[in-house]
C-alpha atoms as a PDB file:
ATOM      1  CA  UNK A   1      -6.405   0.511  15.693  1.00  0.00           C
ATOM      2  CA  UNK A   2      -5.873  -1.343  12.401  1.00  0.00           C
ATOM      3  CA  UNK A   3      -4.539   0.600   9.424  1.00  0.00           C
ATOM      4  CA  UNK A   4      -7.128   1.516   6.805  1.00  0.00           C
ATOM      5  CA  UNK A   5      -6.450   2.826   3.317  1.00  0.00           C
ATOM      6  CA  UNK A   6      -8.277   5.944   2.165  1.00  0.00           C
ATOM      7  CA  UNK A   7     -11.565   5.003   0.494  1.00  0.00           C
ATOM      8  CA  UNK A   8     -10.377   6.150  -2.955  1.00  0.00           C
ATOM      9  CA  UNK A   9      -7.338   3.809  -2.988  1.00  0.00           C
ATOM     10  CA  UNK A  10      -6.978   0.071  -3.552  1.00  0.00           C
ATOM     11  CA  UNK A  11      -4.303  -2.160  -2.063  1.00  0.00           C
ATOM     12  CA  UNK A  12      -1.789  -3.398  -4.673  1.00  0.00           C
ATOM     13  CA  UNK A  13       0.855  -4.901  -2.370  1.00  0.00           C
ATOM     14  CA  UNK A  14       1.784  -5.341   1.289  1.00  0.00           C
ATOM     15  CA  UNK A  15       5.115  -6.275   2.915  1.00  0.00           C
ATOM     16  CA  UNK A  16       6.648  -6.411   6.397  1.00  0.00           C
ATOM     17  CA  UNK A  17       9.755  -4.241   6.801  1.00  0.00           C
ATOM     18  CA  UNK A  18      11.931  -2.535   9.367  1.00  0.00           C
ATOM     19  CA  UNK A  19      12.103   1.206   8.665  1.00  0.00           C
ATOM     20  CA  UNK A  20      15.408   2.912   9.497  1.00  0.00           C
ATOM     21  CA  UNK A  21      14.607   6.580  10.030  1.00  0.00           C
ATOM     22  CA  UNK A  22      16.976   9.451   9.211  1.00  0.00           C
ATOM     23  CA  UNK A  23      17.285   9.952  13.006  1.00  0.00           C
ATOM     24  CA  UNK A  24      18.590   6.333  13.221  1.00  0.00           C
ATOM     25  CA  UNK A  25      15.435   5.005  14.897  1.00  0.00           C
ATOM     26  CA  UNK A  26      14.228   1.551  13.860  1.00  0.00           C
ATOM     27  CA  UNK A  27      10.558   0.646  13.450  1.00  0.00           C
ATOM     28  CA  UNK A  28       8.872  -2.629  12.571  1.00  0.00           C
ATOM     29  CA  UNK A  29       5.765  -2.309  10.435  1.00  0.00           C
ATOM     30  CA  UNK A  30       3.914  -2.873   7.188  1.00  0.00           C
ATOM     31  CA  UNK A  31       4.555  -1.142   3.852  1.00  0.00           C
ATOM     32  CA  UNK A  32       1.349  -0.836   1.810  1.00  0.00           C
ATOM     33  CA  UNK A  33       1.305  -0.037  -1.918  1.00  0.00           C
ATOM     34  CA  UNK A  34      -1.583   1.605  -3.763  1.00  0.00           C
ATOM     35  CA  UNK A  35      -1.634   3.019  -7.284  1.00  0.00           C
ATOM     36  CA  UNK A  36      -0.749   6.474  -5.878  1.00  0.00           C
ATOM     37  CA  UNK A  37       1.158   6.030  -2.603  1.00  0.00           C
ATOM     38  CA  UNK A  38       3.271   3.929  -0.299  1.00  0.00           C
ATOM     39  CA  UNK A  39       2.041   3.875   3.296  1.00  0.00           C
ATOM     40  CA  UNK A  40       4.231   2.715   6.175  1.00  0.00           C
ATOM     41  CA  UNK A  41       2.316   1.829   9.311  1.00  0.00           C
ATOM     42  CA  UNK A  42       4.579   1.211  12.306  1.00  0.00           C
ATOM     43  CA  UNK A  43       3.833  -1.464  14.893  1.00  0.00           C
ATOM     44  CA  UNK A  44       6.899  -1.327  17.152  1.00  0.00           C
ATOM     45  CA  UNK A  45       9.886   0.922  17.807  1.00  0.00           C
ATOM     46  CA  UNK A  46      12.982  -1.208  18.281  1.00  0.00           C
ATOM     47  CA  UNK A  47      15.737   0.070  20.561  1.00  0.00           C
ATOM     48  CA  UNK A  48      18.923  -1.555  21.839  1.00  0.00           C
ATOM     49  CA  UNK A  49      17.358  -3.078  24.931  1.00  0.00           C
ATOM     50  CA  UNK A  50      13.626  -2.684  24.404  1.00  0.00           C
ATOM     51  CA  UNK A  51      10.691  -2.823  22.034  1.00  0.00           C
ATOM     52  CA  UNK A  52       7.779  -0.391  22.363  1.00  0.00           C
ATOM     53  CA  UNK A  53       4.369  -0.599  20.707  1.00  0.00           C
ATOM     54  CA  UNK A  54       3.590   2.453  18.557  1.00  0.00           C
ATOM     55  CA  UNK A  55       0.777   3.723  16.379  1.00  0.00           C
ATOM     56  CA  UNK A  56       1.178   5.833  13.279  1.00  0.00           C
ATOM     57  CA  UNK A  57       3.143   6.023  10.102  1.00  0.00           C
ATOM     58  CA  UNK A  58       3.749   8.103   7.018  1.00  0.00           C
ATOM     59  CA  UNK A  59       2.920   8.375   3.318  1.00  0.00           C
ATOM     60  CA  UNK A  60       5.292   8.411   0.337  1.00  0.00           C
ATOM     61  CA  UNK A  61       3.568   9.681  -2.834  1.00  0.00           C
ATOM     62  CA  UNK A  62       4.795   7.580  -5.765  1.00  0.00           C
ATOM     63  CA  UNK A  63       5.126  10.707  -7.913  1.00  0.00           C
ATOM     64  CA  UNK A  64       7.711  12.102  -5.436  1.00  0.00           C
ATOM     65  CA  UNK A  65      10.067   9.113  -5.772  1.00  0.00           C
ATOM     66  CA  UNK A  66      13.241   9.894  -7.716  1.00  0.00           C
ATOM     67  CA  UNK A  67      14.955   6.476  -7.576  1.00  0.00           C
ATOM     68  CA  UNK A  68      14.907   3.085  -5.836  1.00  0.00           C
ATOM     69  CA  UNK A  69      17.699   0.605  -5.240  1.00  0.00           C
ATOM     70  CA  UNK A  70      18.502  -2.563  -3.340  1.00  0.00           C
ATOM     71  CA  UNK A  71      21.457  -2.678  -1.006  1.00  0.00           C
ATOM     72  CA  UNK A  72      23.035  -5.653   0.742  1.00  0.00           C
ATOM     73  CA  UNK A  73      24.208  -5.194   4.314  1.00  0.00           C
ATOM     74  CA  UNK A  74      26.803  -7.630   5.697  1.00  0.00           C
ATOM     75  CA  UNK A  75      26.382  -9.744   2.512  1.00  0.00           C
ATOM     76  CA  UNK A  76      23.120 -11.158   3.821  1.00  0.00           C
ATOM     77  CA  UNK A  77      20.504  -8.542   4.668  1.00  0.00           C
ATOM     78  CA  UNK A  78      18.458  -6.790   1.969  1.00  0.00           C
ATOM     79  CA  UNK A  79      17.441  -3.154   2.085  1.00  0.00           C
ATOM     80  CA  UNK A  80      15.185  -1.068  -0.136  1.00  0.00           C
ATOM     81  CA  UNK A  81      16.464   2.513  -0.510  1.00  0.00           C
ATOM     82  CA  UNK A  82      13.931   5.043  -1.788  1.00  0.00           C
ATOM     83  CA  UNK A  83      15.343   8.422  -2.790  1.00  0.00           C
ATOM     84  CA  UNK A  84      12.837  11.227  -3.015  1.00  0.00           C
ATOM     85  CA  UNK A  85      13.005  14.130  -5.485  1.00  0.00           C
ATOM     86  CA  UNK A  86      14.133  16.371  -2.582  1.00  0.00           C
ATOM     87  CA  UNK A  87      17.068  13.898  -2.033  1.00  0.00           C
ATOM     88  CA  UNK A  88      15.678  12.531   1.259  1.00  0.00           C
ATOM     89  CA  UNK A  89      16.281   8.767   1.500  1.00  0.00           C
ATOM     90  CA  UNK A  90      13.950   6.252   3.154  1.00  0.00           C
ATOM     91  CA  UNK A  91      15.558   2.918   4.098  1.00  0.00           C
ATOM     92  CA  UNK A  92      13.448  -0.211   4.539  1.00  0.00           C
ATOM     93  CA  UNK A  93      15.192  -3.385   5.761  1.00  0.00           C
ATOM     94  CA  UNK A  94      13.671  -6.756   4.849  1.00  0.00           C
ATOM     95  CA  UNK A  95      16.250  -8.994   6.522  1.00  0.00           C
ATOM     96  CA  UNK A  96      17.199 -12.002   4.393  1.00  0.00           C
ATOM     97  CA  UNK A  97      14.096 -11.709   2.195  1.00  0.00           C
ATOM     98  CA  UNK A  98      14.636 -10.217  -1.293  1.00  0.00           C
ATOM     99  CA  UNK A  99      13.399  -6.715  -2.197  1.00  0.00           C
ATOM    100  CA  UNK A 100      13.629  -6.919  -6.010  1.00  0.00           C
ATOM    101  CA  UNK A 101      10.005  -7.997  -6.350  1.00  0.00           C
ATOM    102  CA  UNK A 102       8.892  -5.106  -4.143  1.00  0.00           C
ATOM    103  CA  UNK A 103      10.762  -2.619  -6.349  1.00  0.00           C
ATOM    104  CA  UNK A 104       9.270  -4.192  -9.485  1.00  0.00           C
ATOM    105  CA  UNK A 105       5.742  -3.879  -8.069  1.00  0.00           C
ATOM    106  CA  UNK A 106       6.282  -0.221  -7.025  1.00  0.00           C
ATOM    107  CA  UNK A 107       7.748   0.604 -10.463  1.00  0.00           C
ATOM    108  CA  UNK A 108       4.640  -0.871 -12.072  1.00  0.00           C
ATOM    109  CA  UNK A 109       2.544   1.955 -10.576  1.00  0.00           C
ATOM    110  CA  UNK A 110       5.143   4.712 -10.286  1.00  0.00           C
ATOM    111  CA  UNK A 111       5.090   5.609 -13.967  1.00  0.00           C
ATOM    112  CA  UNK A 112       1.307   5.730 -14.281  1.00  0.00           C
END
């Protein structure tokens, strides 16, 4: 089933990312930005020797974000680190594509 935003929200941005969970699982999916939330909708779980289709995701309320930062991995790969007010960290990997524009777009709505 295709992801649908709640009726009271409007899409402001959309990017493909790998999500690296705190349990060290890796998921491929889409990160959606609205004026209130980030939504990650997973498509696949990526394991060492297999890829499995999945359905589901999670929501990050923009008001719960404490800080965001970019991080380079192996001098080539770009990650977006989102630290929540409760100190939990969400890591989104964009490969060789830059994440600065994503952070700028999220910051545009985070303070509103």
